[in-house]
Full PDB file with SEQRES, HELIX, SHEET, SSBOND, CRYST1, ORIGX, SCALE, CONECT and MASTER records, all heavy atoms in Angstrom:
SEQRES   1 A   30  GLY LYS ASP TRP THR ASN PRO ILE ASN TYR ASP ILE VAL          
SEQRES   2 A   30  LEU ASN SER ASP ARG VAL GLY ARG ASP LYS CYS VAL GLU          
SEQRES   3 A   30  LEU VAL LYS ASP                                              
HELIX    1 AA1 PRO A    7  ASN A    9  5                                   3    
HELIX    2 AA2 SER A   16  VAL A   19  1                                   4    
HELIX    3 AA3 ARG A   21  LYS A   29  1                                   9    
CRYST1    1.000    1.000    1.000  90.00  90.00  90.00 P 1           1          
ORIGX1      1.000000  0.000000  0.000000        0.00000                         
ORIGX2      0.000000  1.000000  0.000000        0.00000                         
ORIGX3      0.000000  0.000000  1.000000        0.00000                         
SCALE1      1.000000  0.000000  0.000000        0.00000                         
SCALE2      0.000000  1.000000  0.000000        0.00000                         
SCALE3      0.000000  0.000000  1.000000        0.00000                         
ATOM      1  N   GLY A   1       3.914  19.939  -0.053  1.00  0.00           N  
ATOM      2  CA  GLY A   1       4.305  20.771  -1.179  1.00  0.00           C  
ATOM      3  C   GLY A   1       4.010  20.208  -2.544  1.00  0.00           C  
ATOM      4  O   GLY A   1       4.455  20.770  -3.558  1.00  0.00           O  
ATOM      5  N   LYS A   2       3.260  19.136  -2.634  1.00  0.00           N  
ATOM      6  CA  LYS A   2       2.955  18.551  -3.930  1.00  0.00           C  
ATOM      7  C   LYS A   2       1.957  19.420  -4.703  1.00  0.00           C  
ATOM      8  O   LYS A   2       1.131  20.113  -4.124  1.00  0.00           O  
ATOM      9  CB  LYS A   2       2.380  17.138  -3.772  1.00  0.00           C  
ATOM     10  CG  LYS A   2       3.412  16.099  -3.379  1.00  0.00           C  
ATOM     11  CD  LYS A   2       2.815  14.710  -3.441  1.00  0.00           C  
ATOM     12  CE  LYS A   2       3.872  13.634  -3.151  1.00  0.00           C  
ATOM     13  NZ  LYS A   2       3.292  12.276  -3.230  1.00  0.00           N  
ATOM     14  N   ASP A   3       2.064  19.340  -6.031  1.00  0.00           N  
ATOM     15  CA  ASP A   3       1.170  20.068  -6.925  1.00  0.00           C  
ATOM     16  C   ASP A   3      -0.083  19.245  -7.162  1.00  0.00           C  
ATOM     17  O   ASP A   3      -0.014  18.133  -7.698  1.00  0.00           O  
ATOM     18  CB  ASP A   3       1.887  20.342  -8.248  1.00  0.00           C  
ATOM     19  CG  ASP A   3       1.024  21.106  -9.242  1.00  0.00           C  
ATOM     20  OD1 ASP A   3      -0.118  21.448  -8.914  1.00  0.00           O  
ATOM     21  OD2 ASP A   3       1.513  21.354 -10.352  1.00  0.00           O  
ATOM     22  N   TRP A   4      -1.213  19.796  -6.795  1.00  0.00           N  
ATOM     23  CA  TRP A   4      -2.503  19.118  -6.907  1.00  0.00           C  
ATOM     24  C   TRP A   4      -2.821  18.674  -8.332  1.00  0.00           C  
ATOM     25  O   TRP A   4      -3.448  17.635  -8.558  1.00  0.00           O  
ATOM     26  CB  TRP A   4      -3.558  20.090  -6.376  1.00  0.00           C  
ATOM     27  CG  TRP A   4      -4.970  19.843  -6.717  1.00  0.00           C  
ATOM     28  CD1 TRP A   4      -5.698  18.723  -6.463  1.00  0.00           C  
ATOM     29  CD2 TRP A   4      -5.877  20.766  -7.332  1.00  0.00           C  
ATOM     30  NE1 TRP A   4      -6.993  18.896  -6.876  1.00  0.00           N  
ATOM     31  CE2 TRP A   4      -7.123  20.136  -7.418  1.00  0.00           C  
ATOM     32  CE3 TRP A   4      -5.742  22.075  -7.805  1.00  0.00           C  
ATOM     33  CZ2 TRP A   4      -8.246  20.760  -7.965  1.00  0.00           C  
ATOM     34  CZ3 TRP A   4      -6.846  22.699  -8.345  1.00  0.00           C  
ATOM     35  CH2 TRP A   4      -8.086  22.038  -8.424  1.00  0.00           C  
ATOM     36  N   THR A   5      -2.373  19.425  -9.342  1.00  0.00           N  
ATOM     37  CA  THR A   5      -2.715  19.114 -10.725  1.00  0.00           C  
ATOM     38  C   THR A   5      -1.662  18.279 -11.445  1.00  0.00           C  
ATOM     39  O   THR A   5      -1.816  17.978 -12.630  1.00  0.00           O  
ATOM     40  CB  THR A   5      -2.938  20.407 -11.523  1.00  0.00           C  
ATOM     41  OG1 THR A   5      -1.705  21.154 -11.551  1.00  0.00           O  
ATOM     42  CG2 THR A   5      -4.025  21.269 -10.896  1.00  0.00           C  
ATOM     43  N   ASN A   6      -0.606  17.871 -10.750  1.00  0.00           N  
ATOM     44  CA  ASN A   6       0.459  17.087 -11.386  1.00  0.00           C  
ATOM     45  C   ASN A   6      -0.069  15.703 -11.765  1.00  0.00           C  
ATOM     46  O   ASN A   6      -0.483  14.929 -10.898  1.00  0.00           O  
ATOM     47  CB  ASN A   6       1.629  16.947 -10.415  1.00  0.00           C  
ATOM     48  CG  ASN A   6       2.850  16.321 -11.076  1.00  0.00           C  
ATOM     49  OD1 ASN A   6       2.752  15.646 -12.101  1.00  0.00           O  
ATOM     50  ND2 ASN A   6       4.012  16.533 -10.476  1.00  0.00           N  
ATOM     51  N   PRO A   7      -0.046  15.340 -13.050  1.00  0.00           N  
ATOM     52  CA  PRO A   7      -0.603  14.048 -13.455  1.00  0.00           C  
ATOM     53  C   PRO A   7       0.128  12.846 -12.856  1.00  0.00           C  
ATOM     54  O   PRO A   7      -0.434  11.749 -12.794  1.00  0.00           O  
ATOM     55  CB  PRO A   7      -0.463  14.075 -14.987  1.00  0.00           C  
ATOM     56  CG  PRO A   7       0.590  15.089 -15.278  1.00  0.00           C  
ATOM     57  CD  PRO A   7       0.463  16.118 -14.201  1.00  0.00           C  
ATOM     58  N   ILE A   8       1.358  13.056 -12.411  1.00  0.00           N  
ATOM     59  CA  ILE A   8       2.111  11.960 -11.800  1.00  0.00           C  
ATOM     60  C   ILE A   8       1.435  11.452 -10.528  1.00  0.00           C  
ATOM     61  O   ILE A   8       1.619  10.304 -10.117  1.00  0.00           O  
ATOM     62  CB  ILE A   8       3.559  12.417 -11.485  1.00  0.00           C  
ATOM     63  CG1 ILE A   8       4.279  12.803 -12.775  1.00  0.00           C  
ATOM     64  CG2 ILE A   8       4.342  11.332 -10.753  1.00  0.00           C  
ATOM     65  CD1 ILE A   8       4.385  11.679 -13.773  1.00  0.00           C  
ATOM     66  N   ASN A   9       0.615  12.293  -9.902  1.00  0.00           N  
ATOM     67  CA  ASN A   9      -0.068  11.895  -8.668  1.00  0.00           C  
ATOM     68  C   ASN A   9      -1.170  10.870  -8.906  1.00  0.00           C  
ATOM     69  O   ASN A   9      -1.664  10.264  -7.951  1.00  0.00           O  
ATOM     70  CB  ASN A   9      -0.695  13.114  -7.985  1.00  0.00           C  
ATOM     71  CG  ASN A   9       0.317  14.165  -7.592  1.00  0.00           C  
ATOM     72  OD1 ASN A   9       1.490  13.859  -7.394  1.00  0.00           O  
ATOM     73  ND2 ASN A   9      -0.125  15.406  -7.486  1.00  0.00           N  
ATOM     74  N   TYR A  10      -1.569  10.682 -10.150  1.00  0.00           N  
ATOM     75  CA  TYR A  10      -2.797   9.939 -10.440  1.00  0.00           C  
ATOM     76  C   TYR A  10      -2.561   8.794 -11.420  1.00  0.00           C  
ATOM     77  O   TYR A  10      -1.618   8.804 -12.206  1.00  0.00           O  
ATOM     78  CB  TYR A  10      -3.849  10.899 -11.011  1.00  0.00           C  
ATOM     79  CG  TYR A  10      -4.070  12.105 -10.130  1.00  0.00           C  
ATOM     80  CD1 TYR A  10      -3.449  13.330 -10.406  1.00  0.00           C  
ATOM     81  CD2 TYR A  10      -4.852  12.023  -8.982  1.00  0.00           C  
ATOM     82  CE1 TYR A  10      -3.618  14.425  -9.584  1.00  0.00           C  
ATOM     83  CE2 TYR A  10      -5.032  13.124  -8.153  1.00  0.00           C  
ATOM     84  CZ  TYR A  10      -4.405  14.321  -8.454  1.00  0.00           C  
ATOM     85  OH  TYR A  10      -4.568  15.411  -7.635  1.00  0.00           O  
ATOM     86  N   ASP A  11      -3.468   7.821 -11.362  1.00  0.00           N  
ATOM     87  CA  ASP A  11      -3.460   6.731 -12.334  1.00  0.00           C  
ATOM     88  C   ASP A  11      -4.035   7.195 -13.670  1.00  0.00           C  
ATOM     89  O   ASP A  11      -3.572   6.783 -14.729  1.00  0.00           O  
ATOM     90  CB  ASP A  11      -4.296   5.552 -11.823  1.00  0.00           C  
ATOM     91  CG  ASP A  11      -3.704   4.924 -10.590  1.00  0.00           C  
ATOM     92  OD1 ASP A  11      -2.825   4.071 -10.736  1.00  0.00           O  
ATOM     93  OD2 ASP A  11      -4.126   5.286  -9.472  1.00  0.00           O  
ATOM     94  N   ILE A  12      -5.085   8.016 -13.594  1.00  0.00           N  
ATOM     95  CA  ILE A  12      -5.790   8.467 -14.791  1.00  0.00           C  
ATOM     96  C   ILE A  12      -6.056   9.960 -14.688  1.00  0.00           C  
ATOM     97  O   ILE A  12      -6.493  10.442 -13.634  1.00  0.00           O  
ATOM     98  CB  ILE A  12      -7.150   7.750 -14.958  1.00  0.00           C  
ATOM     99  CG1 ILE A  12      -7.016   6.229 -14.857  1.00  0.00           C  
ATOM    100  CG2 ILE A  12      -7.802   8.129 -16.282  1.00  0.00           C  
ATOM    101  CD1 ILE A  12      -8.349   5.514 -14.878  1.00  0.00           C  
ATOM    102  N   VAL A  13      -5.834  10.680 -15.768  1.00  0.00           N  
ATOM    103  CA  VAL A  13      -6.226  12.086 -15.875  1.00  0.00           C  
ATOM    104  C   VAL A  13      -7.162  12.208 -17.068  1.00  0.00           C  
ATOM    105  O   VAL A  13      -6.814  11.793 -18.179  1.00  0.00           O  
ATOM    106  CB  VAL A  13      -4.994  13.003 -16.065  1.00  0.00           C  
ATOM    107  CG1 VAL A  13      -5.440  14.450 -16.233  1.00  0.00           C  
ATOM    108  CG2 VAL A  13      -4.042  12.873 -14.883  1.00  0.00           C  
ATOM    109  N   LEU A  14      -8.356  12.762 -16.846  1.00  0.00           N  
ATOM    110  CA  LEU A  14      -9.375  12.831 -17.887  1.00  0.00           C  
ATOM    111  C   LEU A  14      -9.864  14.255 -18.107  1.00  0.00           C  
ATOM    112  O   LEU A  14     -10.078  15.000 -17.148  1.00  0.00           O  
ATOM    113  CB  LEU A  14     -10.568  11.942 -17.517  1.00  0.00           C  
ATOM    114  CG  LEU A  14     -10.292  10.435 -17.440  1.00  0.00           C  
ATOM    115  CD1 LEU A  14     -11.506   9.717 -16.881  1.00  0.00           C  
ATOM    116  CD2 LEU A  14      -9.931   9.887 -18.806  1.00  0.00           C  
ATOM    117  N   ASN A  15     -10.043  14.618 -19.359  1.00  0.00           N  
ATOM    118  CA  ASN A  15     -10.661  15.885 -19.748  1.00  0.00           C  
ATOM    119  C   ASN A  15     -12.148  15.607 -19.939  1.00  0.00           C  
ATOM    120  O   ASN A  15     -12.557  15.042 -20.954  1.00  0.00           O  
ATOM    121  CB  ASN A  15     -10.019  16.395 -21.037  1.00  0.00           C  
ATOM    122  CG  ASN A  15     -10.586  17.730 -21.491  1.00  0.00           C  
ATOM    123  OD1 ASN A  15     -11.727  18.064 -21.228  1.00  0.00           O  
ATOM    124  ND2 ASN A  15      -9.774  18.489 -22.212  1.00  0.00           N  
ATOM    125  N   SER A  16     -12.969  16.009 -18.981  1.00  0.00           N  
ATOM    126  CA  SER A  16     -14.383  15.652 -19.013  1.00  0.00           C  
ATOM    127  C   SER A  16     -15.144  16.339 -20.130  1.00  0.00           C  
ATOM    128  O   SER A  16     -16.194  15.845 -20.566  1.00  0.00           O  
ATOM    129  CB  SER A  16     -15.040  15.967 -17.668  1.00  0.00           C  
ATOM    130  OG  SER A  16     -14.955  17.351 -17.378  1.00  0.00           O  
ATOM    131  N   ASP A  17     -14.645  17.463 -20.611  1.00  0.00           N  
ATOM    132  CA  ASP A  17     -15.307  18.153 -21.719  1.00  0.00           C  
ATOM    133  C   ASP A  17     -15.025  17.439 -23.031  1.00  0.00           C  
ATOM    134  O   ASP A  17     -15.920  17.239 -23.847  1.00  0.00           O  
ATOM    135  CB  ASP A  17     -14.822  19.600 -21.795  1.00  0.00           C  
ATOM    136  CG  ASP A  17     -15.534  20.386 -22.887  1.00  0.00           C  
ATOM    137  OD1 ASP A  17     -16.770  20.468 -22.855  1.00  0.00           O  
ATOM    138  OD2 ASP A  17     -14.832  20.930 -23.770  1.00  0.00           O  
ATOM    139  N   ARG A  18     -13.808  17.037 -23.235  1.00  0.00           N  
ATOM    140  CA  ARG A  18     -13.440  16.362 -24.480  1.00  0.00           C  
ATOM    141  C   ARG A  18     -14.024  14.957 -24.547  1.00  0.00           C  
ATOM    142  O   ARG A  18     -14.523  14.525 -25.592  1.00  0.00           O  
ATOM    143  CB  ARG A  18     -11.916  16.307 -24.613  1.00  0.00           C  
ATOM    144  CG  ARG A  18     -11.439  15.666 -25.905  1.00  0.00           C  
ATOM    145  CD  ARG A  18      -9.932  15.773 -26.029  1.00  0.00           C  
ATOM    146  NE  ARG A  18      -9.515  17.173 -26.141  1.00  0.00           N  
ATOM    147  CZ  ARG A  18      -8.242  17.557 -26.228  1.00  0.00           C  
ATOM    148  NH1 ARG A  18      -7.277  16.653 -26.190  1.00  0.00           N  
ATOM    149  NH2 ARG A  18      -7.940  18.832 -26.323  1.00  0.00           N  
ATOM    150  N   VAL A  19     -13.980  14.239 -23.442  1.00  0.00           N  
ATOM    151  CA  VAL A  19     -14.433  12.847 -23.421  1.00  0.00           C  
ATOM    152  C   VAL A  19     -15.938  12.756 -23.181  1.00  0.00           C  
ATOM    153  O   VAL A  19     -16.615  11.893 -23.727  1.00  0.00           O  
ATOM    154  CB  VAL A  19     -13.672  12.057 -22.330  1.00  0.00           C  
ATOM    155  CG1 VAL A  19     -14.157  10.624 -22.250  1.00  0.00           C  
ATOM    156  CG2 VAL A  19     -12.182  12.102 -22.597  1.00  0.00           C  
ATOM    157  N   GLY A  20     -16.456  13.653 -22.352  1.00  0.00           N  
ATOM    158  CA  GLY A  20     -17.855  13.558 -21.919  1.00  0.00           C  
ATOM    159  C   GLY A  20     -17.914  12.877 -20.562  1.00  0.00           C  
ATOM    160  O   GLY A  20     -17.160  11.937 -20.293  1.00  0.00           O  
ATOM    161  N   ARG A  21     -18.792  13.367 -19.699  1.00  0.00           N  
ATOM    162  CA  ARG A  21     -18.821  12.844 -18.332  1.00  0.00           C  
ATOM    163  C   ARG A  21     -19.241  11.392 -18.246  1.00  0.00           C  
ATOM    164  O   ARG A  21     -18.677  10.616 -17.462  1.00  0.00           O  
ATOM    165  CB  ARG A  21     -19.725  13.736 -17.469  1.00  0.00           C  
ATOM    166  CG  ARG A  21     -19.166  15.155 -17.347  1.00  0.00           C  
ATOM    167  CD  ARG A  21     -20.012  16.060 -16.479  1.00  0.00           C  
ATOM    168  NE  ARG A  21     -19.447  17.409 -16.472  1.00  0.00           N  
ATOM    169  CZ  ARG A  21     -19.914  18.409 -15.751  1.00  0.00           C  
ATOM    170  NH1 ARG A  21     -20.985  18.216 -14.966  1.00  0.00           N  
ATOM    171  NH2 ARG A  21     -19.343  19.606 -15.808  1.00  0.00           N  
ATOM    172  N   ASP A  22     -20.214  10.993 -19.051  1.00  0.00           N  
ATOM    173  CA  ASP A  22     -20.619   9.584 -19.041  1.00  0.00           C  
ATOM    174  C   ASP A  22     -19.500   8.684 -19.542  1.00  0.00           C  
ATOM    175  O   ASP A  22     -19.291   7.579 -19.016  1.00  0.00           O  
ATOM    176  CB  ASP A  22     -21.872   9.387 -19.899  1.00  0.00           C  
ATOM    177  CG  ASP A  22     -23.124   9.979 -19.263  1.00  0.00           C  
ATOM    178  OD1 ASP A  22     -23.121  10.175 -18.026  1.00  0.00           O  
ATOM    179  OD2 ASP A  22     -24.096  10.243 -19.996  1.00  0.00           O  
ATOM    180  N   LYS A  23     -18.769   9.157 -20.548  1.00  0.00           N  
ATOM    181  CA  LYS A  23     -17.647   8.355 -21.060  1.00  0.00           C  
ATOM    182  C   LYS A  23     -16.516   8.290 -20.037  1.00  0.00           C  
ATOM    183  O   LYS A  23     -15.791   7.292 -19.965  1.00  0.00           O  
ATOM    184  CB  LYS A  23     -17.130   8.947 -22.371  1.00  0.00           C  
ATOM    185  CG  LYS A  23     -18.087   8.790 -23.543  1.00  0.00           C  
ATOM    186  CD  LYS A  23     -18.150   7.349 -23.995  1.00  0.00           C  
ATOM    187  CE  LYS A  23     -19.090   7.193 -25.190  1.00  0.00           C  
ATOM    188  NZ  LYS A  23     -18.628   7.905 -26.385  1.00  0.00           N  
ATOM    189  N   CYS A  24     -16.370   9.351 -19.225  1.00  0.00           N  
ATOM    190  CA  CYS A  24     -15.376   9.295 -18.140  1.00  0.00           C  
ATOM    191  C   CYS A  24     -15.698   8.154 -17.181  1.00  0.00           C  
ATOM    192  O   CYS A  24     -14.804   7.430 -16.737  1.00  0.00           O  
ATOM    193  CB  CYS A  24     -15.351  10.623 -17.375  1.00  0.00           C  
ATOM    194  SG  CYS A  24     -14.514  11.976 -18.226  1.00  0.00           S  
ATOM    195  N   VAL A  25     -16.973   8.011 -16.869  1.00  0.00           N  
ATOM    196  CA  VAL A  25     -17.397   6.908 -15.994  1.00  0.00           C  
ATOM    197  C   VAL A  25     -17.004   5.574 -16.610  1.00  0.00           C  
ATOM    198  O   VAL A  25     -16.447   4.698 -15.933  1.00  0.00           O  
ATOM    199  CB  VAL A  25     -18.923   6.958 -15.756  1.00  0.00           C  
ATOM    200  CG1 VAL A  25     -19.394   5.726 -14.986  1.00  0.00           C  
ATOM    201  CG2 VAL A  25     -19.304   8.227 -14.993  1.00  0.00           C  
ATOM    202  N   GLU A  26     -17.277   5.418 -17.903  1.00  0.00           N  
ATOM    203  CA  GLU A  26     -16.967   4.156 -18.576  1.00  0.00           C  
ATOM    204  C   GLU A  26     -15.466   3.902 -18.628  1.00  0.00           C  
ATOM    205  O   GLU A  26     -15.008   2.764 -18.466  1.00  0.00           O  
ATOM    206  CB  GLU A  26     -17.558   4.156 -19.984  1.00  0.00           C  
ATOM    207  CG  GLU A  26     -19.079   4.196 -20.027  1.00  0.00           C  
ATOM    208  CD  GLU A  26     -19.708   3.070 -19.223  1.00  0.00           C  
ATOM    209  OE1 GLU A  26     -19.255   1.909 -19.372  1.00  0.00           O  
ATOM    210  OE2 GLU A  26     -20.637   3.342 -18.446  1.00  0.00           O  
ATOM    211  N   LEU A  27     -14.688   4.952 -18.854  1.00  0.00           N  
ATOM    212  CA  LEU A  27     -13.233   4.797 -18.908  1.00  0.00           C  
ATOM    213  C   LEU A  27     -12.659   4.363 -17.558  1.00  0.00           C  
ATOM    214  O   LEU A  27     -11.758   3.512 -17.504  1.00  0.00           O  
ATOM    215  CB  LEU A  27     -12.587   6.108 -19.357  1.00  0.00           C  
ATOM    216  CG  LEU A  27     -12.704   6.424 -20.852  1.00  0.00           C  
ATOM    217  CD1 LEU A  27     -12.287   7.862 -21.124  1.00  0.00           C  
ATOM    218  CD2 LEU A  27     -11.843   5.470 -21.681  1.00  0.00           C  
ATOM    219  N   VAL A  28     -13.174   4.955 -16.478  1.00  0.00           N  
ATOM    220  CA  VAL A  28     -12.697   4.557 -15.153  1.00  0.00           C  
ATOM    221  C   VAL A  28     -13.083   3.110 -14.873  1.00  0.00           C  
ATOM    222  O   VAL A  28     -12.285   2.327 -14.336  1.00  0.00           O  
ATOM    223  CB  VAL A  28     -13.239   5.493 -14.060  1.00  0.00           C  
ATOM    224  CG1 VAL A  28     -12.814   4.994 -12.675  1.00  0.00           C  
ATOM    225  CG2 VAL A  28     -12.737   6.921 -14.271  1.00  0.00           C  
ATOM    226  N   LYS A  29     -14.283   2.730 -15.255  1.00  0.00           N  
ATOM    227  CA  LYS A  29     -14.713   1.338 -15.075  1.00  0.00           C  
ATOM    228  C   LYS A  29     -13.819   0.387 -15.877  1.00  0.00           C  
ATOM    229  O   LYS A  29     -13.448  -0.693 -15.386  1.00  0.00           O  
ATOM    230  CB  LYS A  29     -16.175   1.178 -15.491  1.00  0.00           C  
ATOM    231  CG  LYS A  29     -17.159   1.778 -14.500  1.00  0.00           C  
ATOM    232  CD  LYS A  29     -18.544   1.923 -15.069  1.00  0.00           C  
ATOM    233  CE  LYS A  29     -19.168   0.630 -15.486  1.00  0.00           C  
ATOM    234  NZ  LYS A  29     -20.550   0.839 -16.001  1.00  0.00           N  
ATOM    235  N   ASP A  30     -13.470   0.786 -17.091  1.00  0.00           N  
ATOM    236  CA  ASP A  30     -12.564  -0.047 -17.896  1.00  0.00           C  
ATOM    237  C   ASP A  30     -11.224  -0.217 -17.180  1.00  0.00           C  
ATOM    238  O   ASP A  30     -10.653  -1.322 -17.164  1.00  0.00           O  
ATOM    239  CB  ASP A  30     -12.341   0.592 -19.269  1.00  0.00           C  
ATOM    240  CG  ASP A  30     -13.541   0.453 -20.188  1.00  0.00           C  
ATOM    241  OD1 ASP A  30     -14.436  -0.358 -19.887  1.00  0.00           O  
ATOM    242  OD2 ASP A  30     -13.592   1.177 -21.207  1.00  0.00           O  
TER     243      ASP A  30                                                      
MASTER        0    0    0    3    0    0    0    6  242    1    0    3          
END                                                                             
């Protein structure tokens, strides 16, 4: 019954449009 979009489920939540997909890669690596 968990909500797939609940940010509590995750370490990181990223907006790929605002950040940019390449920057998302860099942020996860960081």
